[in-house]
Amino acid sequence: MSEQQQNWVEAYEFVEGVQASGPVHLQKVGVLKTGSADARRVLVLLGGREGAAGVFRHTARSLARAADDLQVWAIDPREQNLADLSAFTAGAEQATEYYLGGHYQVQDPAESLFAAQWGLEVLLEDVRRVVLAASDGGRRDVVLGGVSVGASAALIYAAWDFDGAPGYRDLAGLAIVDGGVHNAYAGAGMEFALPLDAAKGWLGAIEGGAVFENFTSTTLGFGDRPESAAVWFQLAAQHAIADPHAPAVLADKLPEGVRTDRELTNAGLLGRLVDAQHVHPSYSVHAGRLEDTGSWTDDGRTHLETVAEAFAGPRPGAWVWYTLNRVMLDLVAAIDFTETDVTRMLGLRLPHGQAIDVPLYAFQSGLTNGTTGQAAATVTANSRIPEMSLHADSDLTHQDVVYARWEDNRFLQTLAQFLRELPRRAH
């Protein structure tokens, strides 16, 4: 063990966020810090649509072990403070009764209208406070990265104007995965256009009470509450860790659209929920296979235990409970990576995209069929980015990227190399 690895830390802490609407106790962001306390470089990571800090536990450990001089900070956005995670510390059985018995605190949109104002500006101001804390007064270089819409937010941060200071000046590099701006999502069947009237309508709906979105819960069949999918996955992960080979406690409690008549173990149930053989690649991993007995054979590129640990929490977990509609509106509005009538109407400040001058790393799994790289190349061509490092592995799913083991994970290997070779930023 090297001298710096002896100073290894893995801690979940809070950083004070920007003062925005809402109660005082919500004005903070959680950060999972992993790696050498003496590192001179910090990689700050943003999750996707529902991605909380726990998503990056395996990624952070792997990258920090590969480089003595690196620490990884994974962000829980402020909306995760709205989640009632209290019973996950009590054990799987107690948590099951608490959450499935309806005892937990549900966020009522009518009482959470303050969060209608938590858009991209609040998110990026929060992220900037994390970036500046990571920089430690310029002692350390900071690379900002993200997965999926977290990649979009990372690029927009670089182009953002913070009271006259361009975001990219805070950074030594950018790292984006399966996302970005321009047509980054087109290969996954998602193309975005937002006319001004549509943006005004969306904004009006948010301000009228549509504060949170429930896309993931409804898409996966877990119900119509924003937090439903997050609750089910966290419970399934806790049971898979507590007693993987026992009959699945949750099997007969699952919503009708997710339930199966097959006998399952606790590990088998979690494996089925994330299995790439029958779950959309946006949410699945190659973690092995479900046996006829209902047990799980863990022989894929991703270990099921890695996924279980990420989701089980209690804090940080892997999913944000209450995804903000305003953030999604702003990200779609900023997809062209320039100021428009829509961005001006929404108060989004994007004047510095062409001036970005830090190296860019981009990775694409099989999800976007090449458009992540094409979009990154467009950003590079229209800026002062000195070098773009593009890598791909079409056999990885969108989730395998953050969970697959090192030896089968081209993302981890190539990002580690990019970070090692990145020149120090002049301060």
Protein backbone atom coordinates (compact mmCIF):
# COMPACT_ATOMS: atom_id res chain seq x y z
CA MET A 1 0.00 0.00 0.00
CA SER A 2 1.37 3.38 -1.01
CA GLU A 3 1.68 6.31 1.38
CA GLN A 4 -1.27 8.08 -0.21
CA GLN A 5 -3.47 4.97 -0.17
CA GLN A 6 -2.84 4.79 3.59
CA ASN A 7 -4.74 8.10 3.75
CA TRP A 8 -7.74 6.56 1.98
CA VAL A 9 -11.14 7.92 2.95
CA GLU A 10 -14.69 6.95 2.07
CA ALA A 11 -17.09 9.37 3.69
CA TYR A 12 -20.49 10.92 3.03
CA GLU A 13 -20.56 14.60 3.88
CA PHE A 14 -22.64 17.67 3.12
CA VAL A 15 -21.58 20.82 1.29
CA GLU A 16 -23.57 24.00 1.78
CA GLY A 17 -25.50 24.83 -1.37
CA VAL A 18 -26.74 28.09 -2.82
CA GLN A 19 -29.52 29.80 -0.88
CA ALA A 20 -32.68 29.11 -2.87
CA SER A 21 -36.38 28.77 -2.14
CA GLY A 22 -37.44 26.30 0.54
CA PRO A 23 -36.54 25.41 4.12
CA VAL A 24 -33.06 26.05 5.48
CA HIS A 25 -32.30 22.37 6.11
CA LEU A 26 -32.65 21.62 2.37
CA GLN A 27 -29.97 24.10 1.25
CA LYS A 28 -27.21 21.50 1.01
CA VAL A 29 -25.91 18.73 -1.23
CA GLY A 30 -24.55 15.38 -0.17
CA VAL A 31 -21.15 14.25 -1.41
CA LEU A 32 -19.68 10.73 -1.30
CA LYS A 33 -15.90 11.23 -1.11
CA THR A 34 -13.65 8.31 -2.02
CA GLY A 35 -9.88 8.02 -2.31
CA SER A 36 -6.74 9.65 -1.02
CA ALA A 37 -7.25 12.62 1.28
CA ASP A 38 -3.96 13.99 -0.07
CA ALA A 39 -4.90 13.70 -3.75
CA ARG A 40 -4.04 16.63 -6.00
CA ARG A 41 -6.88 15.87 -8.42
CA VAL A 42 -10.61 15.41 -7.74
CA LEU A 43 -13.14 13.93 -10.16
CA VAL A 44 -16.62 15.30 -9.36
CA LEU A 45 -19.44 13.15 -10.77
CA LEU A 46 -23.10 13.87 -11.54
CA GLY A 47 -25.66 11.11 -12.00
CA GLY A 48 -28.36 10.77 -14.62
CA ARG A 49 -32.10 11.42 -14.54
CA GLU A 50 -32.58 9.64 -11.23
CA GLY A 51 -28.92 9.00 -10.39
CA ALA A 52 -27.87 9.59 -6.78
CA ALA A 53 -24.36 9.41 -5.36
CA GLY A 54 -24.52 5.68 -4.59
CA VAL A 55 -24.49 4.94 -8.33
CA PHE A 56 -20.80 5.85 -8.34
CA ARG A 57 -19.56 3.89 -5.32
CA HIS A 58 -17.93 1.17 -7.45
CA THR A 59 -16.71 3.68 -10.06
CA ALA A 60 -15.15 5.86 -7.37
CA ARG A 61 -13.40 3.01 -5.61
CA SER A 62 -12.07 1.59 -8.87
CA LEU A 63 -10.71 4.88 -10.20
CA ALA A 64 -9.22 5.97 -6.88
CA ARG A 65 -7.44 2.62 -6.45
CA ALA A 66 -6.02 2.93 -9.96
CA ALA A 67 -4.47 6.33 -9.24
CA ASP A 68 -2.83 7.27 -5.95
CA ASP A 69 -3.30 10.95 -6.69
CA LEU A 70 -7.07 10.93 -7.29
CA GLN A 71 -10.11 11.43 -5.13
CA VAL A 72 -13.66 11.00 -6.48
CA TRP A 73 -16.62 13.04 -5.24
CA ALA A 74 -20.11 11.85 -6.22
CA ILE A 75 -22.96 14.32 -5.75
CA ASP A 76 -26.41 13.79 -4.25
CA PRO A 77 -28.45 16.72 -5.60
CA ARG A 78 -30.38 18.78 -3.06
CA GLU A 79 -33.70 17.16 -3.99
CA GLN A 80 -32.46 13.95 -2.39
CA ASN A 81 -32.88 15.74 0.95
CA LEU A 82 -36.63 15.39 0.36
CA ALA A 83 -36.42 11.58 0.54
CA ASP A 84 -37.42 9.84 3.76
CA LEU A 85 -34.55 7.35 4.02
CA SER A 86 -34.90 6.94 7.79
CA ALA A 87 -35.96 3.27 7.96
CA PHE A 88 -33.25 1.90 5.68
CA THR A 89 -30.88 2.01 8.63
CA ALA A 90 -33.11 -0.39 10.60
CA GLY A 91 -32.63 -3.46 8.40
CA ALA A 92 -34.45 -5.01 5.46
CA GLU A 93 -37.45 -6.41 7.33
CA GLN A 94 -38.18 -3.21 9.24
CA ALA A 95 -37.68 -1.11 6.11
CA THR A 96 -40.11 -3.29 4.18
CA GLU A 97 -42.85 -2.74 6.76
CA TYR A 98 -42.14 1.00 6.92
CA TYR A 99 -42.14 1.71 3.20
CA LEU A 100 -44.64 -0.81 1.87
CA GLY A 101 -46.90 -0.22 4.84
CA GLY A 102 -47.26 3.41 3.90
CA HIS A 103 -45.58 4.85 6.99
CA TYR A 104 -42.92 6.91 5.24
CA GLN A 105 -43.18 10.63 4.55
CA VAL A 106 -44.38 11.27 1.01
CA GLN A 107 -43.61 14.61 -0.59
CA ASP A 108 -46.86 16.31 -1.50
CA PRO A 109 -46.26 18.53 -4.56
CA ALA A 110 -48.77 21.03 -3.19
CA GLU A 111 -46.53 21.48 -0.15
CA SER A 112 -43.31 21.40 -2.18
CA LEU A 113 -43.94 24.25 -4.61
CA PHE A 114 -40.67 25.83 -3.49
CA ALA A 115 -38.91 23.06 -5.46
CA ALA A 116 -40.55 24.32 -8.65
CA GLN A 117 -37.82 26.96 -8.57
CA TRP A 118 -35.01 24.41 -8.30
CA GLY A 119 -33.93 24.36 -11.91
CA LEU A 120 -30.62 24.18 -13.70
CA GLU A 121 -29.40 27.44 -12.17
CA VAL A 122 -29.81 26.08 -8.63
CA LEU A 123 -28.26 22.74 -9.61
CA LEU A 124 -25.19 24.35 -11.20
CA GLU A 125 -24.73 26.82 -8.35
CA ASP A 126 -24.78 23.85 -5.96
CA VAL A 127 -22.31 21.96 -8.15
CA ARG A 128 -20.03 24.99 -8.23
CA ARG A 129 -19.86 25.02 -4.46
CA VAL A 130 -18.82 21.38 -4.55
CA VAL A 131 -16.25 22.07 -7.30
CA LEU A 132 -14.74 24.96 -5.35
CA ALA A 133 -14.63 22.88 -2.17
CA ALA A 134 -12.89 20.09 -4.10
CA SER A 135 -10.40 22.59 -5.50
CA ASP A 136 -9.39 23.62 -1.98
CA GLY A 137 -8.36 27.11 -2.99
CA GLY A 138 -6.57 25.93 -6.13
CA ARG A 139 -4.47 23.28 -4.40
CA ARG A 140 -6.22 20.55 -6.38
CA ASP A 141 -7.34 20.25 -9.99
CA VAL A 142 -10.98 19.37 -10.57
CA VAL A 143 -12.44 17.35 -13.42
CA LEU A 144 -16.22 17.50 -13.75
CA GLY A 145 -18.01 14.49 -15.18
CA GLY A 146 -21.45 13.02 -15.55
CA VAL A 147 -23.48 10.14 -16.90
CA SER A 148 -26.55 10.59 -19.13
CA VAL A 149 -28.20 13.92 -18.27
CA GLY A 150 -25.39 14.36 -15.74
CA ALA A 151 -23.12 14.60 -18.80
CA SER A 152 -25.38 17.33 -20.17
CA ALA A 153 -25.16 19.22 -16.88
CA ALA A 154 -21.36 18.91 -16.80
CA LEU A 155 -20.99 20.44 -20.26
CA ILE A 156 -23.52 23.17 -19.49
CA TYR A 157 -21.58 23.98 -16.30
CA ALA A 158 -18.51 24.63 -18.44
CA ALA A 159 -20.47 27.03 -20.65
CA TRP A 160 -22.36 28.69 -17.78
CA ASP A 161 -21.78 32.24 -16.63
CA PHE A 162 -21.37 32.49 -12.84
CA ASP A 163 -21.66 36.26 -12.34
CA GLY A 164 -19.06 36.94 -15.03
CA ALA A 165 -16.90 33.87 -14.36
CA PRO A 166 -17.08 31.11 -17.01
CA GLY A 167 -17.62 27.68 -15.51
CA TYR A 168 -14.83 26.04 -17.48
CA ARG A 169 -12.26 28.16 -15.65
CA ASP A 170 -12.99 26.13 -12.50
CA LEU A 171 -11.99 22.91 -14.25
CA ALA A 172 -8.97 21.01 -15.51
CA GLY A 173 -11.07 18.70 -17.66
CA LEU A 174 -14.50 17.31 -18.53
CA ALA A 175 -15.67 13.69 -18.64
CA ILE A 176 -19.01 12.72 -20.17
CA VAL A 177 -20.68 9.32 -20.53
CA ASP A 178 -23.70 8.35 -22.64
CA GLY A 179 -25.04 11.88 -22.84
CA GLY A 180 -24.27 15.49 -23.54
CA VAL A 181 -25.73 18.24 -25.68
CA HIS A 182 -26.75 18.63 -29.34
CA ASN A 183 -27.88 15.22 -30.67
CA ALA A 184 -26.19 13.12 -27.97
CA TYR A 185 -29.32 11.06 -27.25
CA ALA A 186 -30.57 10.64 -30.82
CA GLY A 187 -29.10 7.16 -31.19
CA ALA A 188 -31.16 6.02 -28.20
CA GLY A 189 -34.34 7.26 -29.88
CA MET A 190 -34.52 10.54 -27.99
CA GLU A 191 -34.47 13.75 -29.99
CA PHE A 192 -35.41 17.04 -28.39
CA ALA A 193 -37.01 20.17 -29.77
CA LEU A 194 -38.60 22.75 -27.50
CA PRO A 195 -40.49 25.62 -29.11
CA LEU A 196 -41.00 28.70 -26.98
CA ASP A 197 -44.74 28.10 -26.52
CA ALA A 198 -44.12 24.52 -25.42
CA ALA A 199 -41.49 25.68 -22.92
CA LYS A 200 -43.92 28.24 -21.49
CA GLY A 201 -46.58 25.54 -21.16
CA TRP A 202 -44.19 23.15 -19.42
CA LEU A 203 -43.04 25.91 -17.07
CA GLY A 204 -46.63 26.82 -16.27
CA ALA A 205 -47.45 23.22 -15.40
CA ILE A 206 -44.45 23.04 -13.05
CA GLU A 207 -45.37 26.27 -11.31
CA GLY A 208 -48.93 24.97 -11.06
CA GLY A 209 -47.88 21.89 -9.10
CA ALA A 210 -46.16 19.40 -11.45
CA VAL A 211 -42.96 19.76 -9.41
CA PHE A 212 -41.74 16.18 -9.63
CA GLU A 213 -41.75 13.69 -12.49
CA ASN A 214 -42.61 9.99 -12.25
CA PHE A 215 -41.14 8.80 -15.56
CA THR A 216 -38.95 6.04 -14.14
CA SER A 217 -41.57 4.64 -11.77
CA THR A 218 -44.22 4.42 -14.49
CA THR A 219 -41.81 3.19 -17.18
CA LEU A 220 -40.67 0.27 -15.03
CA GLY A 221 -44.17 -0.56 -13.78
CA PHE A 222 -43.76 0.31 -10.10
CA GLY A 223 -46.56 2.84 -9.81
CA ASP A 224 -47.26 6.48 -10.39
CA ARG A 225 -45.47 8.05 -7.43
CA PRO A 226 -42.13 9.66 -8.24
CA GLU A 227 -40.35 7.64 -5.54
CA SER A 228 -41.95 4.24 -6.19
CA ALA A 229 -39.16 2.68 -8.26
CA ALA A 230 -36.48 3.98 -5.89
CA VAL A 231 -38.23 2.45 -2.88
CA TRP A 232 -38.68 -0.96 -4.51
CA PHE A 233 -35.10 -1.17 -5.76
CA GLN A 234 -33.64 -0.11 -2.44
CA LEU A 235 -35.73 -2.69 -0.57
CA ALA A 236 -34.83 -5.43 -3.07
CA ALA A 237 -31.14 -4.56 -2.69
CA GLN A 238 -31.31 -4.63 1.09
CA HIS A 239 -32.89 -8.11 1.09
CA ALA A 240 -30.38 -9.37 -1.50
CA ILE A 241 -27.55 -8.33 0.79
CA ALA A 242 -29.14 -9.48 4.05
CA ASP A 243 -30.09 -13.01 2.89
CA PRO A 244 -29.39 -13.58 -0.81
CA HIS A 245 -30.33 -17.28 -0.94
CA ALA A 246 -33.57 -17.12 1.05
CA PRO A 247 -36.99 -17.09 -0.66
CA ALA A 248 -37.73 -13.59 -1.95
CA VAL A 249 -39.52 -11.60 0.73
CA LEU A 250 -40.84 -9.09 -1.81
CA ALA A 251 -42.01 -11.54 -4.49
CA ASP A 252 -45.72 -11.51 -3.62
CA LYS A 253 -45.70 -7.80 -2.76
CA LEU A 254 -44.50 -6.53 -6.13
CA PRO A 255 -46.87 -4.46 -8.29
CA GLU A 256 -48.85 -6.54 -10.78
CA GLY A 257 -46.88 -5.32 -13.79
CA VAL A 258 -43.59 -6.47 -12.30
CA ARG A 259 -44.68 -9.65 -10.52
CA THR A 260 -43.80 -13.13 -11.75
CA ASP A 261 -45.10 -16.59 -10.84
CA ARG A 262 -41.56 -17.95 -10.72
CA GLU A 263 -40.03 -18.84 -7.41
CA LEU A 264 -37.21 -16.43 -6.62
CA THR A 265 -34.55 -15.95 -4.00
CA ASN A 266 -33.84 -12.46 -2.71
CA ALA A 267 -30.81 -12.27 -5.00
CA GLY A 268 -32.84 -13.76 -7.85
CA LEU A 269 -35.49 -11.08 -7.48
CA LEU A 270 -32.98 -8.23 -7.62
CA GLY A 271 -31.21 -9.92 -10.52
CA ARG A 272 -34.48 -10.19 -12.43
CA LEU A 273 -35.20 -6.49 -11.85
CA VAL A 274 -31.89 -5.46 -13.42
CA ASP A 275 -31.32 -8.30 -15.92
CA ALA A 276 -30.28 -7.12 -19.37
CA GLN A 277 -32.16 -10.03 -20.94
CA HIS A 278 -35.57 -8.46 -20.35
CA VAL A 279 -35.10 -4.94 -18.91
CA HIS A 280 -34.54 -1.83 -21.01
CA PRO A 281 -30.78 -1.13 -21.42
CA SER A 282 -31.17 2.24 -19.72
CA TYR A 283 -31.86 0.40 -16.45
CA SER A 284 -30.18 -3.00 -16.81
CA VAL A 285 -26.84 -4.72 -16.37
CA HIS A 286 -25.14 -7.91 -17.55
CA ALA A 287 -24.93 -9.46 -14.10
CA GLY A 288 -25.46 -13.14 -14.83
CA ARG A 289 -28.55 -15.26 -15.15
CA LEU A 290 -31.62 -16.45 -13.29
CA GLU A 291 -31.62 -20.20 -12.70
CA ASP A 292 -34.68 -22.46 -12.89
CA THR A 293 -34.52 -22.69 -9.11
CA GLY A 294 -35.01 -18.92 -8.81
CA SER A 295 -31.47 -18.32 -7.58
CA TRP A 296 -29.00 -16.01 -9.30
CA THR A 297 -25.76 -17.08 -10.93
CA ASP A 298 -23.39 -14.13 -10.81
CA ASP A 299 -21.23 -14.59 -13.92
CA GLY A 300 -21.74 -11.40 -15.94
CA ARG A 301 -19.53 -8.37 -16.51
CA THR A 302 -21.22 -6.74 -13.54
CA HIS A 303 -21.44 -8.41 -10.13
CA LEU A 304 -24.98 -8.33 -8.76
CA GLU A 305 -23.51 -7.64 -5.33
CA THR A 306 -22.02 -4.41 -6.69
CA VAL A 307 -25.46 -3.26 -7.82
CA ALA A 308 -27.03 -4.34 -4.53
CA GLU A 309 -24.50 -2.40 -2.50
CA ALA A 310 -25.10 0.72 -4.57
CA PHE A 311 -28.88 0.60 -4.18
CA ALA A 312 -29.08 -0.62 -0.59
CA GLY A 313 -27.80 2.58 0.99
CA PRO A 314 -29.07 3.75 3.38
CA ARG A 315 -27.30 6.96 2.37
CA PRO A 316 -26.27 7.42 -0.27
CA GLY A 317 -28.54 5.23 -2.31
CA ALA A 318 -28.44 4.87 -6.06
CA TRP A 319 -31.62 6.70 -7.03
CA VAL A 320 -32.93 10.20 -6.45
CA TRP A 321 -36.49 9.86 -5.18
CA TYR A 322 -37.89 13.13 -6.50
CA THR A 323 -36.57 14.07 -9.92
CA LEU A 324 -37.27 17.73 -10.58
CA ASN A 325 -39.35 18.64 -13.59
CA ARG A 326 -37.74 22.07 -13.75
CA VAL A 327 -34.27 20.61 -14.11
CA MET A 328 -35.50 18.38 -16.95
CA LEU A 329 -37.15 21.36 -18.67
CA ASP A 330 -33.97 23.41 -18.43
CA LEU A 331 -31.76 20.58 -19.69
CA VAL A 332 -33.98 20.11 -22.75
CA ALA A 333 -34.02 23.87 -23.33
CA ALA A 334 -30.21 23.98 -23.24
CA ILE A 335 -29.69 21.02 -25.58
CA ASP A 336 -28.50 23.29 -28.43
CA PHE A 337 -25.69 24.50 -26.16
CA THR A 338 -26.21 28.15 -26.99
CA GLU A 339 -28.42 30.99 -25.91
CA THR A 340 -31.87 31.02 -27.56
CA ASP A 341 -35.24 32.64 -26.96
CA VAL A 342 -36.14 29.64 -24.79
CA THR A 343 -32.99 29.76 -22.65
CA ARG A 344 -33.38 33.50 -22.18
CA MET A 345 -37.01 33.08 -21.14
CA LEU A 346 -35.93 30.50 -18.57
CA GLY A 347 -32.98 32.56 -17.31
CA LEU A 348 -30.31 30.09 -18.46
CA ARG A 349 -26.88 31.65 -18.94
CA LEU A 350 -24.89 29.83 -21.66
CA PRO A 351 -22.53 32.34 -23.30
CA HIS A 352 -19.21 30.49 -22.91
CA GLY A 353 -19.56 27.27 -24.89
CA GLN A 354 -17.23 28.37 -27.67
CA ALA A 355 -14.55 29.44 -25.18
CA ILE A 356 -14.21 26.11 -23.32
CA ASP A 357 -10.50 25.24 -23.36
CA VAL A 358 -10.08 22.10 -21.23
CA PRO A 359 -9.60 18.50 -22.46
CA LEU A 360 -12.75 16.44 -22.94
CA TYR A 361 -13.17 12.71 -22.31
CA ALA A 362 -16.25 11.00 -23.79
CA PHE A 363 -17.47 7.42 -23.51
CA GLN A 364 -20.41 5.70 -25.15
CA SER A 365 -21.98 2.33 -24.39
CA GLY A 366 -24.35 0.54 -26.73
CA LEU A 367 -27.22 2.82 -25.69
CA THR A 368 -26.72 5.81 -27.98
CA ASN A 369 -25.33 4.00 -31.04
CA GLY A 370 -22.55 6.52 -31.57
CA THR A 371 -24.38 9.80 -31.15
CA THR A 372 -22.71 10.60 -27.82
CA GLY A 373 -19.38 10.71 -29.64
CA GLN A 374 -20.77 12.66 -32.56
CA ALA A 375 -22.21 15.29 -30.23
CA ALA A 376 -18.95 15.51 -28.27
CA ALA A 377 -17.08 16.04 -31.53
CA THR A 378 -19.45 18.90 -32.37
CA VAL A 379 -18.78 20.53 -29.00
CA THR A 380 -15.05 20.14 -29.55
CA ALA A 381 -15.11 21.54 -33.09
CA ASN A 382 -17.05 24.61 -31.95
CA SER A 383 -14.88 25.43 -28.95
CA ARG A 384 -11.25 25.74 -27.92
CA ILE A 385 -11.12 22.26 -26.40
CA PRO A 386 -7.55 21.15 -27.17
CA GLU A 387 -8.22 17.42 -27.28
CA MET A 388 -11.17 15.04 -27.21
CA SER A 389 -10.58 11.48 -26.03
CA LEU A 390 -13.43 9.26 -27.28
CA HIS A 391 -13.93 5.62 -26.26
CA ALA A 392 -16.72 3.09 -26.68
CA ASP A 393 -17.90 -0.39 -25.83
CA SER A 394 -21.21 -1.33 -27.43
CA ASP A 395 -21.45 -4.51 -25.34
CA LEU A 396 -21.83 -2.52 -22.12
CA THR A 397 -25.27 -1.33 -21.13
CA HIS A 398 -25.87 2.19 -19.87
CA GLN A 399 -25.72 0.86 -16.28
CA ASP A 400 -22.85 -1.60 -16.84
CA VAL A 401 -20.66 1.46 -17.40
CA VAL A 402 -20.72 2.37 -13.71
CA TYR A 403 -21.04 -1.16 -12.26
CA ALA A 404 -19.01 -3.58 -14.41
CA ARG A 405 -15.84 -4.97 -12.89
CA TRP A 406 -12.54 -3.35 -13.81
CA GLU A 407 -11.20 -6.07 -16.11
CA ASP A 408 -14.36 -5.96 -18.26
CA ASN A 409 -14.94 -2.22 -18.10
CA ARG A 410 -13.36 -0.17 -20.85
CA PHE A 411 -14.91 2.96 -19.36
CA LEU A 412 -13.03 2.62 -16.07
CA GLN A 413 -9.79 1.69 -17.83
CA THR A 414 -9.84 4.57 -20.32
CA LEU A 415 -11.04 7.21 -17.88
CA ALA A 416 -8.27 6.22 -15.47
CA GLN A 417 -5.74 6.69 -18.26
CA PHE A 418 -7.25 10.06 -19.25
CA LEU A 419 -7.02 11.28 -15.66
CA ARG A 420 -3.42 10.07 -15.28
CA GLU A 421 -2.29 11.83 -18.44
CA LEU A 422 -4.25 15.06 -17.90
CA PRO A 423 -1.86 18.01 -17.53
CA ARG A 424 -2.03 20.09 -14.40
CA ARG A 425 -4.20 23.19 -14.70
CA ALA A 426 -2.42 26.52 -14.27
CA HIS A 427 -3.90 28.45 -11.35
